[in-house]
Amino acid sequence: MTTFDNLLEEAGEFGLFQKTTFTLICITSAMFSYLYIGIVFLAITPEHWCRSPGVSELRANCGWSQEEERNYTVPHGLAEGSSYSRCHRYDVEWEWTPSGRCETPLSFLPNISAELPLTSCQGGWVFEEGSHPSIVTEFGLVCADAWKVDLAQACLNLGFMIGTVFLGFGADIYGRKLCFLFSNFMTTVSGIAVAFAPNYIWFLIFRTLQGLFSKGGWLSAYVLISELVGLKHRRTVGILIQMCFSFGMMLLSAIAYLVPAWRNLQLVTTMPNFIFMVYYWLLPESPRWLLSRKKREAAVKVLQKVAKKNKKSFSINIETVQIESSEDEQRNPSVTDLVKTPQIRKHTLILMYNWFVSAMVYLGLVMRLGIIGGDIYLNFFISGVMEIPSAVIIVLLIDRVGRRWPFAAGNLLAGVTCLVTAFIPDNIFWLKTVITSLGKLGITIAFLMVCFVNTELYPTFLRNFAVSICSAMCDIGGVVAPFVLYRLAEVWTELPLLVFGVIALIAGGLVLCLPETKGIRLPETIEDAETLGQYVHGELCGRLNLCQESI
């Protein structure tokens, strides 16, 4: 029986054609990072305090600097994570008189002998001089409205989750290339709309639309290149595409430094996506998909282009090809298949938890860069740099050591470093940065590993469906992450790290209860997937009663 992999062997499994396509898709992966984690720069929160009636006039007459204005007129000693109050002001109206003394500003107030009452920031906020416009400063997303920053990122991830499902179906019906182009166009249009949002509500709506269209298109491109290269190259290609996301993250820190105002930054990182529309002429449609849709003539044309550019000959009669994933040869998967049998149920629960943890900790550590102080641009760049070795480590280890131990080690490293960082004194900032960067390295390894480990634990008819269902927890983790980070940080800046550390350690322990799939043929049936459990060993799993040895 001739398979599609036989066609690729003749046309070239990873020749110049695939390398060119791979490079084009890598650029889109780098651009996707701007959307996924750009909130760090769009929502920078500068130092701020309440705007009080009359203070502007008083400052002008007394010739105060902004720091003097804050020291003289803002309440001190409130437990809001600062030496001065960010969310309360004196419930009085300041009024300048010639007889008052600017060195003792309280003398301008009546009844200064009485204890001054406090109230909330009813007149808005004063933001530190030199701070650049962000959605926080423009829409007043501080104090009681600070949770709206969390909601902005949560809506993006909610859009990811919903849009991925619909665009995934669209890619199977209309093709990977068309789905990518449609997604890219709509993402760009909604991204430009974000830059011109007149208020927070419209910002939220356009941001959600970006999520609905973007991730499904990115996955379509990812699937396209995966279906266009030979089997032995797919894992490396998949990891390198995600590495390009890290390069995009590093570049984003430089762009945000040069273009700090949030509306300009949104435009600068969105407008280039229009260039991807030329991919209509540069990208091929997936010949594997074309064959699955019985479009054999179109598939032949693509494969002939592949062979020509790869300097190969192509002579196989395509009429003899059978696609292994055709619907006629497979059962229809269902959710019950993911929980019906003991081993697959265990795999499903562990993988869903790991998808959730990977997204929550990864996104949490990235967004944390916006609240810890220091040079946010440098810290963000370092965070991106630390992701690069993770891909190298995986490529070097998974076929030597296996999948399970690097997967578990990534989670355990992230968990330990988060817990350690939480208790390092703030005055040793460089050490906190180094340790946190190691945690970022660990969770990136775990994030990369969970994707293809997910594909190796399920039978063929269930594989794609299982990845889709389990990875949905990734977007749920993205929804939860900003709320955990920002709300807990109001109690104690390092409290989110304790949460991230604990859940990552649990994730690492649970990974040890998965079977090792190195060198094992991918399961074709439920029985094959259940048998994988016999490769699980270790006292930890036995004591936790989480792993079952197959007899």
Foldseek 3Di string as FASTA:
>chain_A
DAAVLNLCVQLPQCFPLLVLLLVLLLVLLLLVLCLQQVLLQQVFAFQKAADAAPLVVLCVVQVDDVVLSCVQWFDADDQFVDRTDRWKGFPFHFDDDPPDDSVRRCVRGPPSVDDTDMDTRPPAMDGDPPDAAHLCRVAVCDDVNVCLSLLLLLLLLVLQLQLLVVLVVVCLVVFLVVLLLVLLVQLLVLLLQLLVPPHSVSVSVSSNSNSNRHNNSSVSSLVQSLLRHRPVCNLLSNLVSNLSNLVSLLVLLVLCVVVSHNSVSSNVSRVVSVVCNCCVVVPQTRLLSCVLVVVNVSSVVVSCVSSVSRVGDGDDDCVPYDYPQHPVNADADDPCLCCVDQLSVLVLVLLLLLLLLLLQLLSLLLSLLSPLDDDSSVLSNLLSVLQNVLSVVCVVDCQPPFQLVLLLQLLLLLLVLLVVLLPDDSVVVVVSSVSNSSSSNSSSNNNSSSQVVQQQLDAPNCRVVSSSVSNSSNSVSSSCNVVLQPVVVSVPNSVSSNVSNVSSNVSSLSSLQHATCRPHDRHHDPVSSVQSLLRRDDVSCVVVVSGDHDD
